[in-house]
Amino acid sequence: MLFFLNDSLFTLSSIEYLALSDICISSLQIGQMCSMKELKCLKMINSSIKEFPMVDCMQNLSVLMLCENNISSIPIEARILKQLSFLDVSGNPIAKNKKFIEELWMKN
């Protein structure tokens, strides 16, 4: 069962850890997360995501967990996340392309 997210969450600009498992998240809402400048860990597990979220505005993000969604590709722009030390895309179609993920990781 998926739940829907209230937009007032994005006013919490100093939050460092956010877990959004089993919550339906739209691309627009992901874009609103840019106000969360201090975010270090973001978990969006089973959140009905179809595209890799553009979180390049979150310069402090070090952990990104996108498990069990429907993400089929990771844009090259994801390399801008210099602080990212842990990325989990297991349970997504992209997880089958381990070579691409390794190459992206090596460039970072």
PDB file of N, CA and C in Angstrom:
ATOM      1  N   MET A   1       0.836  -1.177   0.000  1.00  0.00           N
ATOM      2  CA  MET A   1       0.000   0.000   0.000  1.00  0.00           C
ATOM      3  C   MET A   1       0.887   1.250   0.000  1.00  0.00           C
ATOM      4  N   LEU A   2       0.672   2.129  -0.969  1.00  0.00           N
ATOM      5  CA  LEU A   2       1.441   3.364  -1.057  1.00  0.00           C
ATOM      6  C   LEU A   2       0.671   4.518  -0.434  1.00  0.00           C
ATOM      7  N   PHE A   3       1.419   5.425   0.184  1.00  0.00           N
ATOM      8  CA  PHE A   3       0.850   6.630   0.752  1.00  0.00           C
ATOM      9  C   PHE A   3       1.317   7.812  -0.083  1.00  0.00           C
ATOM     10  N   PHE A   4       0.647   8.936   0.047  1.00  0.00           N
ATOM     11  CA  PHE A   4       1.026  10.127  -0.700  1.00  0.00           C
ATOM     12  C   PHE A   4       1.657  11.139   0.235  1.00  0.00           C
ATOM     13  N   LEU A   5       2.554  11.928  -0.283  1.00  0.00           N
ATOM     14  CA  LEU A   5       3.369  12.853   0.484  1.00  0.00           C
ATOM     15  C   LEU A   5       2.758  14.249   0.502  1.00  0.00           C
ATOM     16  N   ASN A   6       2.776  14.888   1.668  1.00  0.00           N
ATOM     17  CA  ASN A   6       2.296  16.260   1.821  1.00  0.00           C
ATOM     18  C   ASN A   6       3.446  17.214   1.512  1.00  0.00           C
ATOM     19  N   ASP A   7       3.204  18.210   0.673  1.00  0.00           N
ATOM     20  CA  ASP A   7       4.246  19.139   0.238  1.00  0.00           C
ATOM     21  C   ASP A   7       4.846  19.974   1.365  1.00  0.00           C
ATOM     22  N   SER A   8       4.188  20.081   2.504  1.00  0.00           N
ATOM     23  CA  SER A   8       4.725  20.895   3.604  1.00  0.00           C
ATOM     24  C   SER A   8       6.033  20.316   4.151  1.00  0.00           C
ATOM     25  N   LEU A   9       6.309  19.067   3.863  1.00  0.00           N
ATOM     26  CA  LEU A   9       7.560  18.438   4.293  1.00  0.00           C
ATOM     27  C   LEU A   9       8.774  19.204   3.763  1.00  0.00           C
ATOM     28  N   PHE A  10       8.662  19.780   2.582  1.00  0.00           N
ATOM     29  CA  PHE A  10       9.807  20.407   1.927  1.00  0.00           C
ATOM     30  C   PHE A  10      10.181  21.754   2.535  1.00  0.00           C
ATOM     31  N   THR A  11       9.448  22.203   3.514  1.00  0.00           N
ATOM     32  CA  THR A  11       9.813  23.444   4.206  1.00  0.00           C
ATOM     33  C   THR A  11      10.851  23.181   5.293  1.00  0.00           C
ATOM     34  N   LEU A  12      11.145  21.927   5.559  1.00  0.00           N
ATOM     35  CA  LEU A  12      12.128  21.544   6.583  1.00  0.00           C
ATOM     36  C   LEU A  12      13.523  21.564   5.969  1.00  0.00           C
ATOM     37  N   SER A  13      14.097  22.745   5.853  1.00  0.00           N
ATOM     38  CA  SER A  13      15.348  22.908   5.109  1.00  0.00           C
ATOM     39  C   SER A  13      16.582  22.373   5.835  1.00  0.00           C
ATOM     40  N   SER A  14      16.531  22.192   7.147  1.00  0.00           N
ATOM     41  CA  SER A  14      17.726  21.753   7.873  1.00  0.00           C
ATOM     42  C   SER A  14      17.732  20.250   8.178  1.00  0.00           C
ATOM     43  N   ILE A  15      16.809  19.517   7.617  1.00  0.00           N
ATOM     44  CA  ILE A  15      16.738  18.077   7.868  1.00  0.00           C
ATOM     45  C   ILE A  15      17.944  17.376   7.214  1.00  0.00           C
ATOM     46  N   GLU A  16      18.510  16.375   7.886  1.00  0.00           N
ATOM     47  CA  GLU A  16      19.689  15.665   7.383  1.00  0.00           C
ATOM     48  C   GLU A  16      19.382  14.251   6.917  1.00  0.00           C
ATOM     49  N   TYR A  17      18.309  13.655   7.422  1.00  0.00           N
ATOM     50  CA  TYR A  17      17.972  12.269   7.107  1.00  0.00           C
ATOM     51  C   TYR A  17      16.492  12.202   6.751  1.00  0.00           C
ATOM     52  N   LEU A  18      16.182  11.603   5.616  1.00  0.00           N
ATOM     53  CA  LEU A  18      14.794  11.509   5.192  1.00  0.00           C
ATOM     54  C   LEU A  18      14.537  10.133   4.589  1.00  0.00           C
ATOM     55  N   ALA A  19      13.597   9.415   5.171  1.00  0.00           N
ATOM     56  CA  ALA A  19      13.222   8.091   4.683  1.00  0.00           C
ATOM     57  C   ALA A  19      11.785   8.154   4.186  1.00  0.00           C
ATOM     58  N   LEU A  20      11.605   7.886   2.914  1.00  0.00           N
ATOM     59  CA  LEU A  20      10.292   7.954   2.287  1.00  0.00           C
ATOM     60  C   LEU A  20       9.948   6.613   1.652  1.00  0.00           C
ATOM     61  N   SER A  21       9.894   5.586   2.446  1.00  0.00           N
ATOM     62  CA  SER A  21       9.581   4.257   1.934  1.00  0.00           C
ATOM     63  C   SER A  21       8.073   4.090   1.803  1.00  0.00           C
ATOM     64  N   ASP A  22       7.673   3.423   0.737  1.00  0.00           N
ATOM     65  CA  ASP A  22       6.260   3.116   0.482  1.00  0.00           C
ATOM     66  C   ASP A  22       5.396   4.371   0.397  1.00  0.00           C
ATOM     67  N   ILE A  23       5.979   5.465  -0.090  1.00  0.00           N
ATOM     68  CA  ILE A  23       5.251   6.722  -0.261  1.00  0.00           C
ATOM     69  C   ILE A  23       5.375   7.125  -1.728  1.00  0.00           C
ATOM     70  N   CYS A  24       4.261   7.416  -2.360  1.00  0.00           N
ATOM     71  CA  CYS A  24       4.256   7.818  -3.766  1.00  0.00           C
ATOM     72  C   CYS A  24       4.806   9.239  -3.885  1.00  0.00           C
ATOM     73  N   ILE A  25       5.894   9.399  -4.641  1.00  0.00           N
ATOM     74  CA  ILE A  25       6.566  10.688  -4.783  1.00  0.00           C
ATOM     75  C   ILE A  25       6.556  11.098  -6.251  1.00  0.00           C
ATOM     76  N   SER A  26       6.138  12.313  -6.519  1.00  0.00           N
ATOM     77  CA  SER A  26       6.111  12.809  -7.902  1.00  0.00           C
ATOM     78  C   SER A  26       7.446  13.474  -8.235  1.00  0.00           C
ATOM     79  N   SER A  27       7.706  13.640  -9.524  1.00  0.00           N
ATOM     80  CA  SER A  27       8.922  14.330  -9.976  1.00  0.00           C
ATOM     81  C   SER A  27       8.951  15.763  -9.463  1.00  0.00           C
ATOM     82  N   LEU A  28       7.799  16.396  -9.421  1.00  0.00           N
ATOM     83  CA  LEU A  28       7.704  17.767  -8.915  1.00  0.00           C
ATOM     84  C   LEU A  28       8.119  17.829  -7.448  1.00  0.00           C
ATOM     85  N   GLN A  29       7.673  16.868  -6.655  1.00  0.00           N
ATOM     86  CA  GLN A  29       8.032  16.842  -5.238  1.00  0.00           C
ATOM     87  C   GLN A  29       9.523  16.593  -5.059  1.00  0.00           C
ATOM     88  N   ILE A  30      10.094  15.747  -5.878  1.00  0.00           N
ATOM     89  CA  ILE A  30      11.530  15.506  -5.796  1.00  0.00           C
ATOM     90  C   ILE A  30      12.278  16.801  -6.094  1.00  0.00           C
ATOM     91  N   GLY A  31      11.810  17.565  -7.063  1.00  0.00           N
ATOM     92  CA  GLY A  31      12.409  18.857  -7.375  1.00  0.00           C
ATOM     93  C   GLY A  31      12.335  19.828  -6.208  1.00  0.00           C
ATOM     94  N   GLN A  32      11.261  19.750  -5.421  1.00  0.00           N
ATOM     95  CA  GLN A  32      11.104  20.622  -4.257  1.00  0.00           C
ATOM     96  C   GLN A  32      12.087  20.276  -3.144  1.00  0.00           C
ATOM     97  N   MET A  33      12.671  19.105  -3.192  1.00  0.00           N
ATOM     98  CA  MET A  33      13.633  18.699  -2.168  1.00  0.00           C
ATOM     99  C   MET A  33      14.911  19.520  -2.232  1.00  0.00           C
ATOM    100  N   CYS A  34      15.103  20.301  -3.278  1.00  0.00           N
ATOM    101  CA  CYS A  34      16.298  21.133  -3.398  1.00  0.00           C
ATOM    102  C   CYS A  34      16.406  22.133  -2.258  1.00  0.00           C
ATOM    103  N   SER A  35      15.308  22.430  -1.601  1.00  0.00           N
ATOM    104  CA  SER A  35      15.359  23.344  -0.453  1.00  0.00           C
ATOM    105  C   SER A  35      15.986  22.671   0.765  1.00  0.00           C
ATOM    106  N   MET A  36      16.152  21.360   0.715  1.00  0.00           N
ATOM    107  CA  MET A  36      16.735  20.605   1.825  1.00  0.00           C
ATOM    108  C   MET A  36      18.249  20.543   1.647  1.00  0.00           C
ATOM    109  N   LYS A  37      18.913  21.654   1.832  1.00  0.00           N
ATOM    110  CA  LYS A  37      20.347  21.788   1.558  1.00  0.00           C
ATOM    111  C   LYS A  37      21.230  20.947   2.476  1.00  0.00           C
ATOM    112  N   GLU A  38      20.760  20.617   3.674  1.00  0.00           N
ATOM    113  CA  GLU A  38      21.565  19.863   4.635  1.00  0.00           C
ATOM    114  C   GLU A  38      21.372  18.356   4.530  1.00  0.00           C
ATOM    115  N   LEU A  39      20.521  17.915   3.618  1.00  0.00           N
ATOM    116  CA  LEU A  39      20.191  16.498   3.508  1.00  0.00           C
ATOM    117  C   LEU A  39      21.434  15.667   3.191  1.00  0.00           C
ATOM    118  N   LYS A  40      21.692  14.666   4.023  1.00  0.00           N
ATOM    119  CA  LYS A  40      22.846  13.784   3.845  1.00  0.00           C
ATOM    120  C   LYS A  40      22.429  12.380   3.435  1.00  0.00           C
ATOM    121  N   CYS A  41      21.251  11.946   3.883  1.00  0.00           N
ATOM    122  CA  CYS A  41      20.786  10.595   3.588  1.00  0.00           C
ATOM    123  C   CYS A  41      19.342  10.657   3.115  1.00  0.00           C
ATOM    124  N   LEU A  42      19.093  10.115   1.933  1.00  0.00           N
ATOM    125  CA  LEU A  42      17.753  10.106   1.363  1.00  0.00           C
ATOM    126  C   LEU A  42      17.407   8.682   0.949  1.00  0.00           C
ATOM    127  N   LYS A  43      16.336   8.168   1.523  1.00  0.00           N
ATOM    128  CA  LYS A  43      15.852   6.827   1.184  1.00  0.00           C
ATOM    129  C   LYS A  43      14.473   6.967   0.558  1.00  0.00           C
ATOM    130  N   MET A  44      14.376   6.574  -0.695  1.00  0.00           N
ATOM    131  CA  MET A  44      13.091   6.548  -1.388  1.00  0.00           C
ATOM    132  C   MET A  44      12.898   5.129  -1.909  1.00  0.00           C
ATOM    133  N   ILE A  45      12.486   4.265  -1.023  1.00  0.00           N
ATOM    134  CA  ILE A  45      12.351   2.844  -1.315  1.00  0.00           C
ATOM    135  C   ILE A  45      10.888   2.536  -1.618  1.00  0.00           C
ATOM    136  N   ASN A  46      10.660   1.858  -2.743  1.00  0.00           N
ATOM    137  CA  ASN A  46       9.303   1.516  -3.173  1.00  0.00           C
ATOM    138  C   ASN A  46       8.422   2.766  -3.208  1.00  0.00           C
ATOM    139  N   SER A  47       8.885   3.777  -3.930  1.00  0.00           N
ATOM    140  CA  SER A  47       8.194   5.073  -3.964  1.00  0.00           C
ATOM    141  C   SER A  47       7.628   5.418  -5.339  1.00  0.00           C
ATOM    142  N   SER A  48       7.461   4.430  -6.189  1.00  0.00           N
ATOM    143  CA  SER A  48       6.881   4.618  -7.532  1.00  0.00           C
ATOM    144  C   SER A  48       7.700   5.551  -8.411  1.00  0.00           C
ATOM    145  N   ILE A  49       9.002   5.597  -8.218  1.00  0.00           N
ATOM    146  CA  ILE A  49       9.872   6.458  -9.014  1.00  0.00           C
ATOM    147  C   ILE A  49      10.225   5.737 -10.315  1.00  0.00           C
ATOM    148  N   LYS A  50      10.086   6.445 -11.434  1.00  0.00           N
ATOM    149  CA  LYS A  50      10.383   5.858 -12.737  1.00  0.00           C
ATOM    150  C   LYS A  50      11.658   6.399 -13.352  1.00  0.00           C
ATOM    151  N   GLU A  51      12.122   7.540 -12.856  1.00  0.00           N
ATOM    152  CA  GLU A  51      13.350   8.146 -13.368  1.00  0.00           C
ATOM    153  C   GLU A  51      14.282   8.463 -12.208  1.00  0.00           C
ATOM    154  N   PHE A  52      15.564   8.408 -12.475  1.00  0.00           N
ATOM    155  CA  PHE A  52      16.542   8.762 -11.452  1.00  0.00           C
ATOM    156  C   PHE A  52      16.300  10.214 -11.053  1.00  0.00           C
ATOM    157  N   PRO A  53      16.133  10.481  -9.765  1.00  0.00           N
ATOM    158  CA  PRO A  53      15.818  11.854  -9.340  1.00  0.00           C
ATOM    159  C   PRO A  53      17.005  12.789  -9.542  1.00  0.00           C
ATOM    160  N   MET A  54      16.726  13.977 -10.016  1.00  0.00           N
ATOM    161  CA  MET A  54      17.764  14.984 -10.196  1.00  0.00           C
ATOM    162  C   MET A  54      17.981  15.671  -8.848  1.00  0.00           C
ATOM    163  N   VAL A  55      18.901  15.154  -8.104  1.00  0.00           N
ATOM    164  CA  VAL A  55      19.183  15.652  -6.758  1.00  0.00           C
ATOM    165  C   VAL A  55      20.529  16.369  -6.720  1.00  0.00           C
ATOM    166  N   ASP A  56      20.967  16.873  -7.874  1.00  0.00           N
ATOM    167  CA  ASP A  56      22.272  17.532  -7.952  1.00  0.00           C
ATOM    168  C   ASP A  56      22.346  18.788  -7.098  1.00  0.00           C
ATOM    169  N   CYS A  57      21.209  19.330  -6.686  1.00  0.00           N
ATOM    170  CA  CYS A  57      21.195  20.518  -5.832  1.00  0.00           C
ATOM    171  C   CYS A  57      21.497  20.167  -4.371  1.00  0.00           C
ATOM    172  N   MET A  58      21.509  18.884  -4.046  1.00  0.00           N
ATOM    173  CA  MET A  58      21.777  18.429  -2.676  1.00  0.00           C
ATOM    174  C   MET A  58      23.258  18.083  -2.550  1.00  0.00           C
ATOM    175  N   GLN A  59      24.082  19.083  -2.388  1.00  0.00           N
ATOM    176  CA  GLN A  59      25.524  18.902  -2.397  1.00  0.00           C
ATOM    177  C   GLN A  59      26.060  18.131  -1.197  1.00  0.00           C
ATOM    178  N   ASN A  60      25.289  17.990  -0.133  1.00  0.00           N
ATOM    179  CA  ASN A  60      25.737  17.249   1.050  1.00  0.00           C
ATOM    180  C   ASN A  60      25.275  15.801   1.049  1.00  0.00           C
ATOM    181  N   LEU A  61      24.532  15.398   0.034  1.00  0.00           N
ATOM    182  CA  LEU A  61      23.968  14.053  -0.008  1.00  0.00           C
ATOM    183  C   LEU A  61      25.079  13.012  -0.128  1.00  0.00           C
ATOM    184  N   SER A  62      25.154  12.118   0.860  1.00  0.00           N
ATOM    185  CA  SER A  62      26.185  11.076   0.824  1.00  0.00           C
ATOM    186  C   SER A  62      25.591   9.676   0.689  1.00  0.00           C
ATOM    187  N   VAL A  63      24.313   9.503   1.045  1.00  0.00           N
ATOM    188  CA  VAL A  63      23.647   8.205   0.932  1.00  0.00           C
ATOM    189  C   VAL A  63      22.349   8.395   0.163  1.00  0.00           C
ATOM    190  N   LEU A  64      22.188   7.621  -0.914  1.00  0.00           N
ATOM    191  CA  LEU A  64      20.972   7.678  -1.722  1.00  0.00           C
ATOM    192  C   LEU A  64      20.508   6.257  -1.983  1.00  0.00           C
ATOM    193  N   MET A  65      19.350   5.938  -1.453  1.00  0.00           N
ATOM    194  CA  MET A  65      18.784   4.597  -1.608  1.00  0.00           C
ATOM    195  C   MET A  65      17.493   4.701  -2.400  1.00  0.00           C
ATOM    196  N   LEU A  66      17.491   4.073  -3.570  1.00  0.00           N
ATOM    197  CA  LEU A  66      16.348   4.128  -4.479  1.00  0.00           C
ATOM    198  C   LEU A  66      15.846   2.718  -4.798  1.00  0.00           C
ATOM    199  N   CYS A  67      15.881   1.830  -3.844  1.00  0.00           N
ATOM    200  CA  CYS A  67      15.536   0.422  -4.035  1.00  0.00           C
ATOM    201  C   CYS A  67      14.062   0.236  -4.398  1.00  0.00           C
ATOM    202  N   GLU A  68      13.815  -0.823  -5.156  1.00  0.00           N
ATOM    203  CA  GLU A  68      12.457  -1.273  -5.462  1.00  0.00           C
ATOM    204  C   GLU A  68      11.586  -0.217  -6.132  1.00  0.00           C
ATOM    205  N   ASN A  69      12.141   0.492  -7.092  1.00  0.00           N
ATOM    206  CA  ASN A  69      11.373   1.432  -7.894  1.00  0.00           C
ATOM    207  C   ASN A  69      11.383   0.907  -9.333  1.00  0.00           C
ATOM    208  N   ASN A  70      11.206   1.770 -10.309  1.00  0.00           N
ATOM    209  CA  ASN A  70      11.206   1.338 -11.701  1.00  0.00           C
ATOM    210  C   ASN A  70      12.176   2.183 -12.525  1.00  0.00           C
ATOM    211  N   ILE A  71      13.348   2.418 -11.970  1.00  0.00           N
ATOM    212  CA  ILE A  71      14.357   3.256 -12.613  1.00  0.00           C
ATOM    213  C   ILE A  71      15.149   2.416 -13.610  1.00  0.00           C
ATOM    214  N   SER A  72      15.175   2.868 -14.867  1.00  0.00           N
ATOM    215  CA  SER A  72      15.857   2.089 -15.900  1.00  0.00           C
ATOM    216  C   SER A  72      17.171   2.708 -16.354  1.00  0.00           C
ATOM    217  N   SER A  73      17.456   3.948 -15.923  1.00  0.00           N
ATOM    218  CA  SER A  73      18.727   4.555 -16.310  1.00  0.00           C
ATOM    219  C   SER A  73      19.154   5.597 -15.276  1.00  0.00           C
ATOM    220  N   ILE A  74      20.440   5.871 -15.283  1.00  0.00           N
ATOM    221  CA  ILE A  74      20.999   6.902 -14.409  1.00  0.00           C
ATOM    222  C   ILE A  74      21.659   7.926 -15.312  1.00  0.00           C
ATOM    223  N   PRO A  75      21.237   9.186 -15.239  1.00  0.00           N
ATOM    224  CA  PRO A  75      21.835  10.185 -16.126  1.00  0.00           C
ATOM    225  C   PRO A  75      23.287  10.466 -15.750  1.00  0.00           C
ATOM    226  N   ILE A  76      24.071  10.801 -16.742  1.00  0.00           N
ATOM    227  CA  ILE A  76      25.482  11.132 -16.519  1.00  0.00           C
ATOM    228  C   ILE A  76      25.612  12.288 -15.531  1.00  0.00           C
ATOM    229  N   GLU A  77      24.623  13.173 -15.499  1.00  0.00           N
ATOM    230  CA  GLU A  77      24.656  14.317 -14.592  1.00  0.00           C
ATOM    231  C   GLU A  77      24.742  13.886 -13.127  1.00  0.00           C
ATOM    232  N   ALA A  78      24.437  12.631 -12.830  1.00  0.00           N
ATOM    233  CA  ALA A  78      24.510  12.138 -11.456  1.00  0.00           C
ATOM    234  C   ALA A  78      25.940  12.194 -10.928  1.00  0.00           C
ATOM    235  N   ARG A  79      26.916  12.325 -11.829  1.00  0.00           N
ATOM    236  CA  ARG A  79      28.318  12.401 -11.397  1.00  0.00           C
ATOM    237  C   ARG A  79      28.613  13.651 -10.583  1.00  0.00           C
ATOM    238  N   ILE A  80      27.750  14.647 -10.643  1.00  0.00           N
ATOM    239  CA  ILE A  80      27.990  15.898  -9.921  1.00  0.00           C
ATOM    240  C   ILE A  80      27.874  15.715  -8.400  1.00  0.00           C
ATOM    241  N   LEU A  81      27.314  14.613  -7.972  1.00  0.00           N
ATOM    242  CA  LEU A  81      27.138  14.353  -6.543  1.00  0.00           C
ATOM    243  C   LEU A  81      28.467  13.885  -5.941  1.00  0.00           C
ATOM    244  N   LYS A  82      29.344  14.803  -5.682  1.00  0.00           N
ATOM    245  CA  LYS A  82      30.702  14.487  -5.228  1.00  0.00           C
ATOM    246  C   LYS A  82      30.734  13.872  -3.829  1.00  0.00           C
ATOM    247  N   GLN A  83      29.784  14.208  -2.975  1.00  0.00           N
ATOM    248  CA  GLN A  83      29.758  13.678  -1.617  1.00  0.00           C
ATOM    249  C   GLN A  83      29.133  12.286  -1.548  1.00  0.00           C
ATOM    250  N   LEU A  84      28.492  11.846  -2.626  1.00  0.00           N
ATOM    251  CA  LEU A  84      27.785  10.570  -2.624  1.00  0.00           C
ATOM    252  C   LEU A  84      28.764   9.416  -2.426  1.00  0.00           C
ATOM    253  N   SER A  85      28.577   8.694  -1.328  1.00  0.00           N
ATOM    254  CA  SER A  85      29.457   7.561  -1.047  1.00  0.00           C
ATOM    255  C   SER A  85      28.717   6.224  -1.108  1.00  0.00           C
ATOM    256  N   PHE A  86      27.380   6.277  -1.123  1.00  0.00           N
ATOM    257  CA  PHE A  86      26.592   5.048  -1.163  1.00  0.00           C
ATOM    258  C   PHE A  86      25.360   5.261  -2.030  1.00  0.00           C
ATOM    259  N   LEU A  87      25.228   4.447  -3.072  1.00  0.00           N
ATOM    260  CA  LEU A  87      24.076   4.484  -3.960  1.00  0.00           C
ATOM    261  C   LEU A  87      23.529   3.073  -4.075  1.00  0.00           C
ATOM    262  N   ASP A  88      22.249   2.894  -3.775  1.00  0.00           N
ATOM    263  CA  ASP A  88      21.614   1.581  -3.871  1.00  0.00           C
ATOM    264  C   ASP A  88      20.434   1.685  -4.824  1.00  0.00           C
ATOM    265  N   VAL A  89      20.529   1.014  -5.961  1.00  0.00           N
ATOM    266  CA  VAL A  89      19.446   0.981  -6.938  1.00  0.00           C
ATOM    267  C   VAL A  89      18.945  -0.454  -7.132  1.00  0.00           C
ATOM    268  N   SER A  90      19.149  -1.305  -6.143  1.00  0.00           N
ATOM    269  CA  SER A  90      18.706  -2.692  -6.253  1.00  0.00           C
ATOM    270  C   SER A  90      17.184  -2.747  -6.401  1.00  0.00           C
ATOM    271  N   GLY A  91      16.730  -3.741  -7.124  1.00  0.00           N
ATOM    272  CA  GLY A  91      15.302  -3.893  -7.346  1.00  0.00           C
ATOM    273  C   GLY A  91      14.754  -2.985  -8.437  1.00  0.00           C
ATOM    274  N   ASN A  92      15.646  -2.373  -9.218  1.00  0.00           N
ATOM    275  CA  ASN A  92      15.277  -1.530 -10.351  1.00  0.00           C
ATOM    276  C   ASN A  92      15.831  -2.173 -11.618  1.00  0.00           C
ATOM    277  N   PRO A  93      15.236  -1.883 -12.790  1.00  0.00           N
ATOM    278  CA  PRO A  93      15.811  -2.421 -14.035  1.00  0.00           C
ATOM    279  C   PRO A  93      17.271  -2.022 -14.238  1.00  0.00           C
ATOM    280  N   ILE A  94      17.685  -0.836 -13.786  1.00  0.00           N
ATOM    281  CA  ILE A  94      19.071  -0.384 -13.946  1.00  0.00           C
ATOM    282  C   ILE A  94      20.041  -1.271 -13.174  1.00  0.00           C
ATOM    283  N   ALA A  95      19.584  -1.915 -12.124  1.00  0.00           N
ATOM    284  CA  ALA A  95      20.470  -2.753 -11.304  1.00  0.00           C
ATOM    285  C   ALA A  95      21.085  -3.884 -12.115  1.00  0.00           C
ATOM    286  N   LYS A  96      20.461  -4.230 -13.223  1.00  0.00           N
ATOM    287  CA  LYS A  96      20.993  -5.291 -14.077  1.00  0.00           C
ATOM    288  C   LYS A  96      22.202  -4.824 -14.872  1.00  0.00           C
ATOM    289  N   ASN A  97      22.368  -3.509 -15.027  1.00  0.00           N
ATOM    290  CA  ASN A  97      23.485  -2.954 -15.790  1.00  0.00           C
ATOM    291  C   ASN A  97      24.623  -2.574 -14.837  1.00  0.00           C
ATOM    292  N   LYS A  98      25.227  -3.566 -14.247  1.00  0.00           N
ATOM    293  CA  LYS A  98      26.280  -3.332 -13.252  1.00  0.00           C
ATOM    294  C   LYS A  98      27.485  -2.611 -13.839  1.00  0.00           C
ATOM    295  N   LYS A  99      27.790  -2.868 -15.096  1.00  0.00           N
ATOM    296  CA  LYS A  99      28.946  -2.230 -15.716  1.00  0.00           C
ATOM    297  C   LYS A  99      28.757  -0.712 -15.758  1.00  0.00           C
ATOM    298  N   PHE A 100      27.563  -0.249 -16.136  1.00  0.00           N
ATOM    299  CA  PHE A 100      27.301   1.193 -16.181  1.00  0.00           C
ATOM    300  C   PHE A 100      27.437   1.807 -14.792  1.00  0.00           C
ATOM    301  N   ILE A 101      26.888   1.149 -13.801  1.00  0.00           N
ATOM    302  CA  ILE A 101      26.942   1.678 -12.432  1.00  0.00           C
ATOM    303  C   ILE A 101      28.393   1.751 -11.955  1.00  0.00           C
ATOM    304  N   GLU A 102      29.189   0.732 -12.242  1.00  0.00           N
ATOM    305  CA  GLU A 102      30.597   0.747 -11.858  1.00  0.00           C
ATOM    306  C   GLU A 102      31.346   1.882 -12.546  1.00  0.00           C
ATOM    307  N   GLU A 103      31.072   2.099 -13.835  1.00  0.00           N
ATOM    308  CA  GLU A 103      31.734   3.173 -14.565  1.00  0.00           C
ATOM    309  C   GLU A 103      31.349   4.538 -14.000  1.00  0.00           C
ATOM    310  N   LEU A 104      30.081   4.706 -13.687  1.00  0.00           N
ATOM    311  CA  LEU A 104      29.620   5.963 -13.083  1.00  0.00           C
ATOM    312  C   LEU A 104      30.317   6.186 -11.756  1.00  0.00           C
ATOM    313  N   TRP A 105      30.416   5.140 -10.972  1.00  0.00           N
ATOM    314  CA  TRP A 105      31.039   5.228  -9.649  1.00  0.00           C
ATOM    315  C   TRP A 105      32.517   5.552  -9.759  1.00  0.00           C
ATOM    316  N   MET A 106      33.200   4.949 -10.709  1.00  0.00           N
ATOM    317  CA  MET A 106      34.637   5.184 -10.886  1.00  0.00           C
ATOM    318  C   MET A 106      34.909   6.627 -11.295  1.00  0.00           C
ATOM    319  N   LYS A 107      34.035   7.204 -12.110  1.00  0.00           N
ATOM    320  CA  LYS A 107      34.204   8.599 -12.543  1.00  0.00           C
ATOM    321  C   LYS A 107      33.961   9.557 -11.400  1.00  0.00           C
ATOM    322  N   ASN A 108      33.188   9.153 -10.428  1.00  0.00           N
ATOM    323  CA  ASN A 108      32.861  10.004  -9.298  1.00  0.00           C
ATOM    324  C   ASN A 108      33.993   9.940  -8.291  1.00  0.00           C
TER     325      ASN A 108
END
